[in-house]
Amino acid sequence: MKKKRTLNKYLGKWVLLDKENQVIYASDNVADVVEKGREYPYNEVSIGKKLDPGSCFF
């Protein structure tokens, strides 16, 4: 049985997340996300990378 691949517009991109893990901003460049994150108070947002389910990022 083939695994269905879900299409997500954020896959492979760096994202800025709020406390509820909702995407605020997304970009291919991590520097853009860091700059956007500086507009928010400390500990209000986090930066992550959206990957395919089951993949590993080191």
PDB file of N, CA and C in Angstrom:
ATOM      1  N   MET A   1       0.837  -1.179   0.000  1.00  0.00           N
ATOM      2  CA  MET A   1       0.000   0.000   0.000  1.00  0.00           C
ATOM      3  C   MET A   1       0.882   1.243   0.000  1.00  0.00           C
ATOM      4  N   LYS A   2       0.647   2.143  -0.942  1.00  0.00           N
ATOM      5  CA  LYS A   2       1.460   3.347  -1.036  1.00  0.00           C
ATOM      6  C   LYS A   2       1.054   4.364   0.018  1.00  0.00           C
ATOM      7  N   LYS A   3       2.065   5.027   0.551  1.00  0.00           N
ATOM      8  CA  LYS A   3       1.825   6.067   1.532  1.00  0.00           C
ATOM      9  C   LYS A   3       1.412   7.345   0.806  1.00  0.00           C
ATOM     10  N   LYS A   4       0.328   7.949   1.245  1.00  0.00           N
ATOM     11  CA  LYS A   4      -0.118   9.197   0.638  1.00  0.00           C
ATOM     12  C   LYS A   4       0.790  10.323   1.089  1.00  0.00           C
ATOM     13  N   ARG A   5       1.185  11.135   0.165  1.00  0.00           N
ATOM     14  CA  ARG A   5       2.002  12.288   0.509  1.00  0.00           C
ATOM     15  C   ARG A   5       1.102  13.510   0.605  1.00  0.00           C
ATOM     16  N   THR A   6       1.106  14.123   1.753  1.00  0.00           N
ATOM     17  CA  THR A   6       0.273  15.300   1.936  1.00  0.00           C
ATOM     18  C   THR A   6       1.010  16.516   1.403  1.00  0.00           C
ATOM     19  N   LEU A   7       0.334  17.301   0.616  1.00  0.00           N
ATOM     20  CA  LEU A   7       0.925  18.520   0.091  1.00  0.00           C
ATOM     21  C   LEU A   7       0.719  19.634   1.104  1.00  0.00           C
ATOM     22  N   ASN A   8       1.795  20.268   1.468  1.00  0.00           N
ATOM     23  CA  ASN A   8       1.747  21.336   2.447  1.00  0.00           C
ATOM     24  C   ASN A   8       2.615  22.466   1.926  1.00  0.00           C
ATOM     25  N   LYS A   9       2.092  23.669   1.927  1.00  0.00           N
ATOM     26  CA  LYS A   9       2.851  24.788   1.369  1.00  0.00           C
ATOM     27  C   LYS A   9       4.055  25.173   2.223  1.00  0.00           C
ATOM     28  N   TYR A  10       4.155  24.630   3.451  1.00  0.00           N
ATOM     29  CA  TYR A  10       5.277  24.953   4.319  1.00  0.00           C
ATOM     30  C   TYR A  10       6.360  23.879   4.346  1.00  0.00           C
ATOM     31  N   LEU A  11       6.168  22.750   3.670  1.00  0.00           N
ATOM     32  CA  LEU A  11       7.160  21.674   3.702  1.00  0.00           C
ATOM     33  C   LEU A  11       8.496  22.149   3.134  1.00  0.00           C
ATOM     34  N   GLY A  12       9.558  21.892   3.866  1.00  0.00           N
ATOM     35  CA  GLY A  12      10.892  22.268   3.430  1.00  0.00           C
ATOM     36  C   GLY A  12      11.249  23.711   3.698  1.00  0.00           C
ATOM     37  N   LYS A  13      10.391  24.454   4.382  1.00  0.00           N
ATOM     38  CA  LYS A  13      10.647  25.868   4.656  1.00  0.00           C
ATOM     39  C   LYS A  13      10.873  26.094   6.145  1.00  0.00           C
ATOM     40  N   TRP A  14      11.589  27.166   6.446  1.00  0.00           N
ATOM     41  CA  TRP A  14      11.743  27.617   7.820  1.00  0.00           C
ATOM     42  C   TRP A  14      10.495  28.405   8.179  1.00  0.00           C
ATOM     43  N   VAL A  15       9.981  28.193   9.385  1.00  0.00           N
ATOM     44  CA  VAL A  15       8.743  28.854   9.795  1.00  0.00           C
ATOM     45  C   VAL A  15       8.903  29.510  11.165  1.00  0.00           C
ATOM     46  N   LEU A  16       8.148  30.568  11.361  1.00  0.00           N
ATOM     47  CA  LEU A  16       8.044  31.255  12.639  1.00  0.00           C
ATOM     48  C   LEU A  16       6.715  30.833  13.249  1.00  0.00           C
ATOM     49  N   LEU A  17       6.765  30.249  14.446  1.00  0.00           N
ATOM     50  CA  LEU A  17       5.579  29.687  15.087  1.00  0.00           C
ATOM     51  C   LEU A  17       5.229  30.457  16.354  1.00  0.00           C
ATOM     52  N   ASP A  18       3.921  30.605  16.612  1.00  0.00           N
ATOM     53  CA  ASP A  18       3.496  31.195  17.877  1.00  0.00           C
ATOM     54  C   ASP A  18       3.412  30.103  18.942  1.00  0.00           C
ATOM     55  N   LYS A  19       2.917  30.454  20.128  1.00  0.00           N
ATOM     56  CA  LYS A  19       2.869  29.481  21.236  1.00  0.00           C
ATOM     57  C   LYS A  19       1.965  28.296  20.945  1.00  0.00           C
ATOM     58  N   GLU A  20       0.966  28.465  20.079  1.00  0.00           N
ATOM     59  CA  GLU A  20       0.055  27.374  19.724  1.00  0.00           C
ATOM     60  C   GLU A  20       0.544  26.597  18.505  1.00  0.00           C
ATOM     61  N   ASN A  21       1.789  26.837  18.080  1.00  0.00           N
ATOM     62  CA  ASN A  21       2.404  26.199  16.909  1.00  0.00           C
ATOM     63  C   ASN A  21       1.686  26.518  15.605  1.00  0.00           C
ATOM     64  N   GLN A  22       1.088  27.690  15.526  1.00  0.00           N
ATOM     65  CA  GLN A  22       0.488  28.167  14.287  1.00  0.00           C
ATOM     66  C   GLN A  22       1.552  28.956  13.523  1.00  0.00           C
ATOM     67  N   VAL A  23       1.603  28.779  12.221  1.00  0.00           N
ATOM     68  CA  VAL A  23       2.608  29.442  11.403  1.00  0.00           C
ATOM     69  C   VAL A  23       2.270  30.923  11.263  1.00  0.00           C
ATOM     70  N   ILE A  24       3.229  31.775  11.621  1.00  0.00           N
ATOM     71  CA  ILE A  24       3.082  33.218  11.473  1.00  0.00           C
ATOM     72  C   ILE A  24       3.736  33.675  10.177  1.00  0.00           C
ATOM     73  N   TYR A  25       4.910  33.093   9.871  1.00  0.00           N
ATOM     74  CA  TYR A  25       5.698  33.511   8.714  1.00  0.00           C
ATOM     75  C   TYR A  25       6.505  32.314   8.228  1.00  0.00           C
ATOM     76  N   ALA A  26       6.709  32.205   6.923  1.00  0.00           N
ATOM     77  CA  ALA A  26       7.495  31.106   6.354  1.00  0.00           C
ATOM     78  C   ALA A  26       8.403  31.631   5.253  1.00  0.00           C
ATOM     79  N   SER A  27       9.605  31.050   5.156  1.00  0.00           N
ATOM     80  CA  SER A  27      10.565  31.443   4.132  1.00  0.00           C
ATOM     81  C   SER A  27      11.568  30.314   3.925  1.00  0.00           C
ATOM     82  N   ASP A  28      12.185  30.292   2.747  1.00  0.00           N
ATOM     83  CA  ASP A  28      13.252  29.329   2.476  1.00  0.00           C
ATOM     84  C   ASP A  28      14.545  29.729   3.180  1.00  0.00           C
ATOM     85  N   ASN A  29      14.680  30.999   3.526  1.00  0.00           N
ATOM     86  CA  ASN A  29      15.892  31.535   4.126  1.00  0.00           C
ATOM     87  C   ASN A  29      15.683  31.720   5.631  1.00  0.00           C
ATOM     88  N   VAL A  30      16.510  31.082   6.449  1.00  0.00           N
ATOM     89  CA  VAL A  30      16.363  31.170   7.901  1.00  0.00           C
ATOM     90  C   VAL A  30      16.628  32.590   8.397  1.00  0.00           C
ATOM     91  N   ALA A  31      17.476  33.353   7.726  1.00  0.00           N
ATOM     92  CA  ALA A  31      17.770  34.722   8.149  1.00  0.00           C
ATOM     93  C   ALA A  31      16.527  35.609   8.067  1.00  0.00           C
ATOM     94  N   ASP A  32      15.701  35.408   7.055  1.00  0.00           N
ATOM     95  CA  ASP A  32      14.455  36.168   6.934  1.00  0.00           C
ATOM     96  C   ASP A  32      13.523  35.874   8.105  1.00  0.00           C
ATOM     97  N   VAL A  33      13.456  34.613   8.497  1.00  0.00           N
ATOM     98  CA  VAL A  33      12.583  34.209   9.603  1.00  0.00           C
ATOM     99  C   VAL A  33      13.095  34.791  10.920  1.00  0.00           C
ATOM    100  N   VAL A  34      14.410  34.809  11.114  1.00  0.00           N
ATOM    101  CA  VAL A  34      14.993  35.380  12.331  1.00  0.00           C
ATOM    102  C   VAL A  34      14.688  36.870  12.410  1.00  0.00           C
ATOM    103  N   GLU A  35      14.846  37.581  11.307  1.00  0.00           N
ATOM    104  CA  GLU A  35      14.551  39.018  11.284  1.00  0.00           C
ATOM    105  C   GLU A  35      13.092  39.291  11.622  1.00  0.00           C
ATOM    106  N   LYS A  36      12.193  38.512  11.064  1.00  0.00           N
ATOM    107  CA  LYS A  36      10.762  38.674  11.345  1.00  0.00           C
ATOM    108  C   LYS A  36      10.467  38.348  12.811  1.00  0.00           C
ATOM    109  N   GLY A  37      11.161  37.364  13.367  1.00  0.00           N
ATOM    110  CA  GLY A  37      10.959  36.972  14.759  1.00  0.00           C
ATOM    111  C   GLY A  37      11.395  38.021  15.757  1.00  0.00           C
ATOM    112  N   ARG A  38      12.295  38.891  15.370  1.00  0.00           N
ATOM    113  CA  ARG A  38      12.759  39.961  16.266  1.00  0.00           C
ATOM    114  C   ARG A  38      11.676  40.996  16.544  1.00  0.00           C
ATOM    115  N   GLU A  39      10.616  41.000  15.746  1.00  0.00           N
ATOM    116  CA  GLU A  39       9.510  41.941  15.943  1.00  0.00           C
ATOM    117  C   GLU A  39       8.599  41.520  17.094  1.00  0.00           C
ATOM    118  N   TYR A  40       8.757  40.289  17.588  1.00  0.00           N
ATOM    119  CA  TYR A  40       7.881  39.748  18.625  1.00  0.00           C
ATOM    120  C   TYR A  40       8.608  39.707  19.964  1.00  0.00           C
ATOM    121  N   PRO A  41       7.865  39.765  21.084  1.00  0.00           N
ATOM    122  CA  PRO A  41       8.492  39.689  22.414  1.00  0.00           C
ATOM    123  C   PRO A  41       9.223  38.363  22.633  1.00  0.00           C
ATOM    124  N   TYR A  42      10.189  38.387  23.530  1.00  0.00           N
ATOM    125  CA  TYR A  42      10.988  37.218  23.880  1.00  0.00           C
ATOM    126  C   TYR A  42      10.084  36.099  24.392  1.00  0.00           C
ATOM    127  N   ASN A  43      10.319  34.877  23.967  1.00  0.00           N
ATOM    128  CA  ASN A  43       9.574  33.660  24.342  1.00  0.00           C
ATOM    129  C   ASN A  43       8.135  33.624  23.835  1.00  0.00           C
ATOM    130  N   GLU A  44       7.768  34.465  22.895  1.00  0.00           N
ATOM    131  CA  GLU A  44       6.422  34.433  22.315  1.00  0.00           C
ATOM    132  C   GLU A  44       6.383  33.624  21.020  1.00  0.00           C
ATOM    133  N   VAL A  45       7.526  33.482  20.350  1.00  0.00           N
ATOM    134  CA  VAL A  45       7.587  32.766  19.078  1.00  0.00           C
ATOM    135  C   VAL A  45       8.775  31.810  19.078  1.00  0.00           C
ATOM    136  N   SER A  46       8.749  30.850  18.154  1.00  0.00           N
ATOM    137  CA  SER A  46       9.870  29.928  17.977  1.00  0.00           C
ATOM    138  C   SER A  46      10.093  29.717  16.481  1.00  0.00           C
ATOM    139  N   ILE A  47      11.282  29.242  16.145  1.00  0.00           N
ATOM    140  CA  ILE A  47      11.645  29.000  14.750  1.00  0.00           C
ATOM    141  C   ILE A  47      11.810  27.503  14.562  1.00  0.00           C
ATOM    142  N   GLY A  48      11.284  26.998  13.467  1.00  0.00           N
ATOM    143  CA  GLY A  48      11.407  25.578  13.167  1.00  0.00           C
ATOM    144  C   GLY A  48      11.445  25.357  11.673  1.00  0.00           C
ATOM    145  N   LYS A  49      11.670  24.119  11.282  1.00  0.00           N
ATOM    146  CA  LYS A  49      11.674  23.755   9.868  1.00  0.00           C
ATOM    147  C   LYS A  49      10.647  22.658   9.666  1.00  0.00           C
ATOM    148  N   LYS A  50       9.726  22.882   8.752  1.00  0.00           N
ATOM    149  CA  LYS A  50       8.686  21.893   8.460  1.00  0.00           C
ATOM    150  C   LYS A  50       9.258  20.843   7.525  1.00  0.00           C
ATOM    151  N   LEU A  51       9.174  19.578   7.943  1.00  0.00           N
ATOM    152  CA  LEU A  51       9.699  18.466   7.161  1.00  0.00           C
ATOM    153  C   LEU A  51       8.593  17.465   6.872  1.00  0.00           C
ATOM    154  N   ASP A  52       8.842  16.576   5.916  1.00  0.00           N
ATOM    155  CA  ASP A  52       7.901  15.493   5.638  1.00  0.00           C
ATOM    156  C   ASP A  52       7.733  14.642   6.888  1.00  0.00           C
ATOM    157  N   PRO A  53       6.524  14.177   7.173  1.00  0.00           N
ATOM    158  CA  PRO A  53       6.331  13.288   8.321  1.00  0.00           C
ATOM    159  C   PRO A  53       7.220  12.044   8.206  1.00  0.00           C
ATOM    160  N   GLY A  54       7.876  11.705   9.297  1.00  0.00           N
ATOM    161  CA  GLY A  54       8.752  10.539   9.318  1.00  0.00           C
ATOM    162  C   GLY A  54      10.181  10.831   8.913  1.00  0.00           C
ATOM    163  N   SER A  55      10.474  12.063   8.500  1.00  0.00           N
ATOM    164  CA  SER A  55      11.846  12.397   8.128  1.00  0.00           C
ATOM    165  C   SER A  55      12.585  12.918   9.357  1.00  0.00           C
ATOM    166  N   CYS A  56      13.894  12.958   9.269  1.00  0.00           N
ATOM    167  CA  CYS A  56      14.729  13.332  10.396  1.00  0.00           C
ATOM    168  C   CYS A  56      15.614  14.510   9.997  1.00  0.00           C
ATOM    169  N   PHE A  57      15.810  15.463  10.908  1.00  0.00           N
ATOM    170  CA  PHE A  57      16.632  16.642  10.637  1.00  0.00           C
ATOM    171  C   PHE A  57      17.695  16.768  11.719  1.00  0.00           C
ATOM    172  N   PHE A  58      18.967  16.744  11.317  1.00  0.00           N
ATOM    173  CA  PHE A  58      20.062  16.895  12.269  1.00  0.00           C
ATOM    174  C   PHE A  58      20.827  18.142  11.979  1.00  0.00           C
TER     175      PHE A  58
END
